[in-house]
Protein backbone atom coordinates (compact mmCIF):
# COMPACT_ATOMS: atom_id res chain seq x y z
CA MET A 1 -0.04 0.02 -0.02
CA THR A 2 1.46 3.41 -1.16
CA SER A 3 2.08 6.20 1.35
CA SER A 4 -0.47 8.61 -0.36
CA LEU A 5 -3.32 5.64 -0.44
CA PHE A 6 -2.46 5.24 3.34
CA LYS A 7 -3.01 8.65 4.21
CA SER A 8 -6.34 8.83 2.15
CA LEU A 9 -7.94 5.86 3.72
CA LYS A 10 -6.81 7.63 7.22
CA TRP A 11 -8.26 11.16 6.31
CA GLY A 12 -11.40 9.09 5.00
CA ALA A 13 -11.72 7.55 8.34
CA MET A 14 -11.31 10.69 10.44
CA LEU A 15 -13.91 12.22 8.18
CA LEU A 16 -16.42 9.51 8.54
CA MET A 17 -16.06 9.54 12.60
CA SER A 18 -16.48 13.43 12.78
CA LEU A 19 -19.71 12.90 10.61
CA LEU A 20 -21.05 10.16 13.02
CA LEU A 21 -20.12 12.22 16.32
CA ILE A 22 -21.91 15.34 14.56
CA ALA A 23 -24.95 13.38 14.33
CA CYS A 24 -24.94 11.93 17.60
CA ASP A 25 -24.48 15.56 18.99
CA LYS A 26 -27.65 16.55 17.11
CA SER A 27 -29.56 13.63 18.18
CA GLU A 28 -28.96 13.91 21.85
CA GLU A 29 -29.44 17.91 21.19
CA LYS A 30 -33.04 16.76 19.88
CA THR A 31 -33.90 14.06 22.41
CA TYR A 32 -33.25 16.91 25.37
CA GLN A 33 -35.39 19.74 23.70
CA PRO A 34 -38.22 20.57 26.02
CA SER A 35 -41.68 19.70 24.57
CA GLN A 36 -44.01 22.71 24.27
CA GLY A 37 -45.96 20.94 27.17
CA SER A 38 -43.02 20.92 29.32
CA GLN A 39 -42.01 24.83 28.08
CA HIS A 40 -45.79 25.52 29.37
CA ARG A 41 -45.37 24.01 32.61
CA MET A 42 -41.96 25.62 33.30
CA LEU A 43 -43.60 29.05 32.53
CA LYS A 44 -46.14 28.91 35.17
CA THR A 45 -46.16 31.77 37.71
CA GLU A 46 -46.04 30.55 41.43
CA TYR A 47 -48.56 32.41 43.75
CA ILE A 48 -47.79 31.93 47.53
CA VAL A 49 -50.92 31.75 49.49
CA GLY A 50 -50.44 32.64 53.23
CA ILE A 51 -52.56 31.81 56.17
CA HIS A 52 -52.47 33.66 59.50
CA PRO A 53 -51.32 31.17 62.38
CA LEU A 54 -54.54 30.45 63.71
CA HIS A 55 -53.02 26.74 64.15
CA ASN A 56 -49.50 25.90 64.53
CA PRO A 57 -47.81 25.14 61.07
CA GLN A 58 -48.50 21.48 60.83
CA ARG A 59 -51.97 21.65 61.59
CA LEU A 60 -52.43 24.89 59.23
CA MET A 61 -50.87 22.62 56.51
CA GLU A 62 -53.09 19.73 57.02
CA ASN A 63 -56.31 21.96 57.26
CA TYR A 64 -55.60 24.44 54.35
CA GLY A 65 -53.16 22.21 51.84
CA PRO A 66 -56.13 20.42 50.65
CA ILE A 67 -57.78 23.95 49.27
CA VAL A 68 -54.91 24.81 47.75
CA ASP A 69 -54.27 21.50 45.97
CA TYR A 70 -57.69 22.07 44.75
CA MET A 71 -57.04 25.42 43.48
CA ASN A 72 -53.89 23.85 41.46
CA SER A 73 -56.00 21.10 40.00
CA ALA A 74 -58.88 23.68 38.93
CA MET A 75 -56.51 26.31 37.86
CA PRO A 76 -53.72 24.13 35.66
CA ASP A 77 -52.29 27.38 34.10
CA ALA A 78 -51.23 28.66 37.84
CA LYS A 79 -49.33 27.05 40.51
CA PHE A 80 -50.19 27.89 44.13
CA LYS A 81 -48.19 27.17 47.08
CA LEU A 82 -49.35 27.14 50.77
CA GLU A 83 -46.72 28.69 53.02
CA ALA A 84 -47.15 28.68 57.05
CA SER A 85 -45.79 30.91 59.53
CA ARG A 86 -44.36 30.13 62.75
CA ASN A 87 -46.04 32.91 64.70
CA TYR A 88 -48.02 36.17 64.10
CA GLU A 89 -44.66 38.24 64.08
CA GLU A 90 -43.16 36.17 61.01
CA PHE A 91 -46.82 36.11 59.02
CA GLU A 92 -47.32 39.99 59.39
CA LYS A 93 -43.59 40.75 58.09
CA LYS A 94 -44.20 38.64 55.15
CA LEU A 95 -47.77 40.01 54.34
CA TYR A 96 -46.89 43.65 54.89
CA ALA A 97 -43.63 42.89 52.65
CA GLY A 98 -46.00 41.63 49.96
CA HIS A 99 -44.60 38.18 49.90
CA PHE A 100 -48.26 36.52 49.58
CA ALA A 101 -49.99 36.88 46.42
CA PHE A 102 -53.27 35.69 48.17
CA ALA A 103 -53.56 35.45 52.12
CA MET A 104 -56.25 35.00 54.64
CA PRO A 105 -55.19 37.43 57.63
CA ASN A 106 -57.20 38.05 60.85
CA PRO A 107 -59.55 40.92 60.71
CA TYR A 108 -56.96 43.32 62.03
CA GLN A 109 -54.33 42.11 59.82
CA THR A 110 -56.43 42.59 57.15
CA ILE A 111 -57.13 46.22 57.91
CA GLN A 112 -53.58 46.88 57.86
CA SER A 113 -53.05 45.04 54.52
CA LEU A 114 -54.75 47.62 52.74
CA LYS A 115 -51.76 50.06 53.31
CA HIS A 116 -49.44 47.39 51.81
CA GLY A 117 -50.93 46.86 48.50
CA TYR A 118 -53.61 44.40 49.14
CA ARG A 119 -57.39 44.54 48.42
CA ILE A 120 -60.02 42.45 50.31
CA PHE A 121 -62.07 40.38 48.20
CA GLY A 122 -63.72 37.88 50.61
CA LYS A 123 -63.69 36.42 54.02
CA MET A 124 -64.56 33.52 56.37
CA GLY A 125 -68.37 32.86 56.94
CA ASP A 126 -69.73 32.21 59.99
CA ASP A 127 -69.25 35.55 62.07
CA GLU A 128 -71.08 34.37 65.13
CA VAL A 129 -67.88 32.09 66.00
CA PHE A 130 -65.53 34.97 65.61
CA ARG A 131 -65.31 36.17 69.38
CA GLY A 132 -62.90 36.02 71.97
CA ILE A 133 -63.15 33.22 74.82
CA ILE A 134 -61.24 33.18 78.04
CA LEU A 135 -60.42 29.78 79.62
CA VAL A 136 -59.53 28.95 83.00
CA ARG A 137 -58.95 25.67 84.71
CA ARG A 138 -61.87 24.15 86.60
CA ASP A 139 -60.15 23.92 89.83
CA SER A 140 -58.51 27.45 89.38
CA GLY A 141 -61.02 29.05 92.11
CA ILE A 142 -61.45 32.17 89.50
CA ASN A 143 -65.15 33.03 89.49
CA ALA A 144 -65.15 36.82 88.73
CA VAL A 145 -62.91 39.03 86.50
CA SER A 146 -61.59 40.74 89.27
CA ASP A 147 -60.21 37.35 90.52
CA LEU A 148 -57.75 37.96 87.81
CA LYS A 149 -56.15 41.03 89.24
CA GLY A 150 -52.41 40.34 89.81
CA LYS A 151 -52.35 37.28 87.79
CA ALA A 152 -50.98 36.30 84.20
CA VAL A 153 -53.17 35.79 81.30
CA SER A 154 -51.72 34.19 77.77
CA TYR A 155 -52.94 35.37 74.14
CA PRO A 156 -51.33 34.02 70.81
CA SER A 157 -50.43 37.55 69.89
CA ALA A 158 -50.93 41.25 70.71
CA THR A 159 -52.19 41.66 67.09
CA ALA A 160 -54.70 38.52 67.60
CA LEU A 161 -58.03 40.54 67.43
CA ALA A 162 -60.42 37.65 68.46
CA ALA A 163 -57.93 35.89 71.00
CA CYS A 164 -56.20 39.22 72.30
CA MET A 165 -57.78 42.46 71.47
CA MET A 166 -61.54 41.49 71.85
CA PRO A 167 -60.81 39.72 75.44
CA GLN A 168 -58.76 42.69 76.48
CA TYR A 169 -61.44 44.94 75.36
CA TYR A 170 -63.90 42.70 77.66
CA LEU A 171 -61.51 42.66 80.51
CA HIS A 172 -61.18 46.62 80.48
CA THR A 173 -65.09 46.84 80.37
CA HIS A 174 -65.25 44.61 83.33
CA GLY A 175 -62.90 46.63 85.39
CA ILE A 176 -59.51 45.22 84.66
CA ASP A 177 -56.73 47.81 83.52
CA VAL A 178 -54.84 45.44 81.38
CA ASN A 179 -51.84 47.39 81.57
CA ARG A 180 -51.45 47.47 85.13
CA ASP A 181 -53.76 44.87 86.88
CA ILE A 182 -52.48 41.70 84.90
CA GLU A 183 -49.46 40.38 83.29
CA ASN A 184 -49.90 39.93 79.62
CA ARG A 185 -48.10 36.79 77.93
CA PHE A 186 -47.98 36.61 74.14
CA VAL A 187 -47.10 32.75 73.88
CA GLY A 188 -47.21 32.37 69.86
CA SER A 189 -50.24 30.30 68.91
CA GLN A 190 -53.55 29.48 69.92
CA GLU A 191 -52.51 26.12 71.11
CA SER A 192 -49.88 27.56 73.18
CA SER A 193 -52.42 29.89 75.00
CA ILE A 194 -54.76 27.08 75.88
CA GLU A 195 -51.83 24.65 77.06
CA ASN A 196 -50.55 27.60 79.32
CA VAL A 197 -53.58 27.38 81.23
CA TYR A 198 -53.94 23.66 81.60
CA ARG A 199 -50.18 23.52 82.74
CA GLY A 200 -50.88 26.33 85.38
CA HIS A 201 -48.66 28.87 83.80
CA VAL A 202 -51.26 31.59 83.71
CA ALA A 203 -54.34 32.09 85.46
CA ALA A 204 -56.37 32.31 82.18
CA GLY A 205 -55.71 32.15 78.61
CA ALA A 206 -57.53 33.81 75.42
CA THR A 207 -58.41 32.12 72.30
CA TRP A 208 -61.49 31.80 70.07
CA PRO A 209 -63.90 29.11 69.07
CA VAL A 210 -62.39 27.67 66.18
CA PRO A 211 -59.17 26.56 67.31
CA TRP A 212 -60.54 25.81 70.83
CA LYS A 213 -63.16 23.37 69.30
CA THR A 214 -60.33 21.57 67.22
CA TYR A 215 -58.32 21.15 70.38
CA ALA A 216 -60.81 20.05 72.58
CA ALA A 217 -61.81 17.15 69.79
CA GLU A 218 -58.06 16.32 69.85
CA HIS A 219 -57.12 16.46 73.55
CA PRO A 220 -60.48 15.83 75.25
CA ASP A 221 -58.75 14.84 78.75
CA VAL A 222 -57.01 18.32 78.74
CA ALA A 223 -60.17 20.04 77.50
CA SER A 224 -62.20 18.44 80.20
CA GLN A 225 -60.09 20.09 82.95
CA LEU A 226 -60.61 23.77 81.26
CA VAL A 227 -63.70 25.88 81.36
CA VAL A 228 -64.75 29.07 79.01
CA LYS A 229 -65.36 31.25 81.71
CA TRP A 230 -66.03 34.39 79.53
CA GLN A 231 -66.47 35.15 75.95
CA THR A 232 -67.19 38.41 73.91
CA GLU A 233 -69.78 39.70 71.44
CA PRO A 234 -68.68 38.42 68.02
CA LEU A 235 -67.13 40.60 64.96
CA LEU A 236 -66.43 39.98 61.36
CA ASN A 237 -64.40 36.69 60.91
CA ASN A 238 -61.01 36.49 59.21
CA GLY A 239 -60.56 38.17 55.78
CA TRP A 240 -59.30 37.11 52.30
CA VAL A 241 -57.03 39.47 50.43
CA VAL A 242 -55.05 39.47 46.94
CA ARG A 243 -52.25 41.74 46.20
CA ALA A 244 -53.13 44.54 43.77
CA ASP A 245 -50.50 43.28 41.07
CA ILE A 246 -52.38 40.14 40.77
CA PRO A 247 -54.29 39.92 37.28
CA ALA A 248 -58.05 40.24 37.94
CA PRO A 249 -59.14 37.09 35.95
CA LEU A 250 -56.91 35.06 38.15
CA ALA A 251 -58.06 36.43 41.27
CA ASP A 252 -61.92 36.32 40.32
CA LYS A 253 -61.30 32.55 39.44
CA PHE A 254 -59.73 31.76 42.84
CA ALA A 255 -62.49 33.34 44.33
CA LYS A 256 -65.08 31.96 42.66
CA LEU A 257 -63.60 28.39 43.47
CA LEU A 258 -63.20 29.42 47.18
CA PHE A 259 -66.57 30.73 47.27
CA GLY A 260 -68.22 27.56 45.81
CA LEU A 261 -66.54 24.88 47.96
CA GLN A 262 -69.99 24.59 49.99
CA ASN A 263 -71.59 23.45 46.72
CA ASN A 264 -69.67 20.20 46.38
CA ALA A 265 -68.99 17.23 48.50
CA GLN A 266 -65.29 17.56 48.08
CA GLY A 267 -65.51 21.34 49.21
CA LYS A 268 -67.87 20.71 52.02
CA ALA A 269 -65.23 17.87 53.72
CA MET A 270 -62.46 20.64 53.36
CA LEU A 271 -64.58 23.10 54.88
CA ALA A 272 -65.54 20.68 57.63
CA LYS A 273 -61.95 20.24 58.66
CA LEU A 274 -61.31 24.20 59.42
CA PRO A 275 -64.37 23.99 60.58
CA ILE A 276 -66.66 26.53 58.95
CA SER A 277 -69.67 26.38 56.55
CA ARG A 278 -68.33 28.55 53.79
CA PHE A 279 -65.94 31.55 52.23
CA GLU A 280 -68.13 34.52 50.86
CA ALA A 281 -67.53 37.86 49.20
CA ALA A 282 -66.24 40.75 50.87
CA THR A 283 -64.69 44.24 50.07
CA ASP A 284 -62.98 46.89 51.90
CA GLU A 285 -66.11 48.41 53.07
CA THR A 286 -67.37 44.98 54.80
CA TYR A 287 -64.52 45.53 57.41
CA ARG A 288 -65.65 48.94 58.38
CA PRO A 289 -66.91 47.50 61.67
CA VAL A 290 -63.60 46.36 62.33
CA GLN A 291 -62.09 49.61 61.79
CA GLU A 292 -64.54 51.20 64.31
CA PHE A 293 -63.72 48.66 66.85
CA LEU A 294 -59.75 49.12 66.54
CA GLU A 295 -60.30 52.87 66.94
CA LYS A 296 -62.34 52.35 70.03
CA PHE A 297 -59.67 49.87 71.43
CA SER A 298 -56.84 51.92 70.63
CA LYS A 299 -58.47 55.01 72.53
CA SER A 300 -59.56 53.24 75.55
CA VAL A 301 -57.29 50.05 76.14
CA ARG A 302 -54.02 50.36 74.68
CA GLU A 303 -52.57 52.15 71.51
CA ILE A 304 -52.31 50.32 68.41
CA GLU A 305 -51.87 50.98 64.62
CA TYR A 306 -55.02 51.25 62.92
């Protein structure tokens, strides 16, 4: 074999190998190109849904997770993610920073959110259950409000409306100066406020009927040793707010699904876990009675932002 023929064969083989490698590269490139469907999924916007700490994070995820899953299945072009907060302070920091696209704050936080780029579009139903209750141990010997003087009272947070402000207003109207006559302890959650009473760390603890009902069902032995000693008048229930920059068609679809939960068996089962009968439409004007209460509370009990 001549040298020139050998060189020709060598270059021919190298050219063939190069062509094969290019073909493989193109084949692999084609294989890993995302389909139109996967591209569509990648482009879905994620919307964070926040619920104020009316339960501990685990309980909140168990109760409200199915509702967010329902939204995801009914609105496939969007992605909703439920986010719990450890305490009221953390939730409020996120809410007032505009972190949540949709949120269910307590009525005080609902009013405050209007200053931070949100609008009210709905609320929990069953306003009659949105009232403060004050628990004591059955063996405490506390019979009159005046018996709390010099003692400690627990609350989830200073900004909990039903579980702090409304009970403090009740005590105020029954002869207690909440700034001097009692020690106020803010313990982070509804469950913690209840358990502080049971363990004897405080003489009384404030909460509201929804978490108390849930707690009593799960811990009947503890609940049997406690009694609801006093309760306040009701006020409007927790609100639903949406950030102002969320597209109106998306917000409207979310609201329609939320307000329709009571119309089907799946939705009724979700509501029963909360437990409430429905969510319903609301506006900024709906919460005027809450604004009036906050003004009254701030002037007569302790100063708050409203």
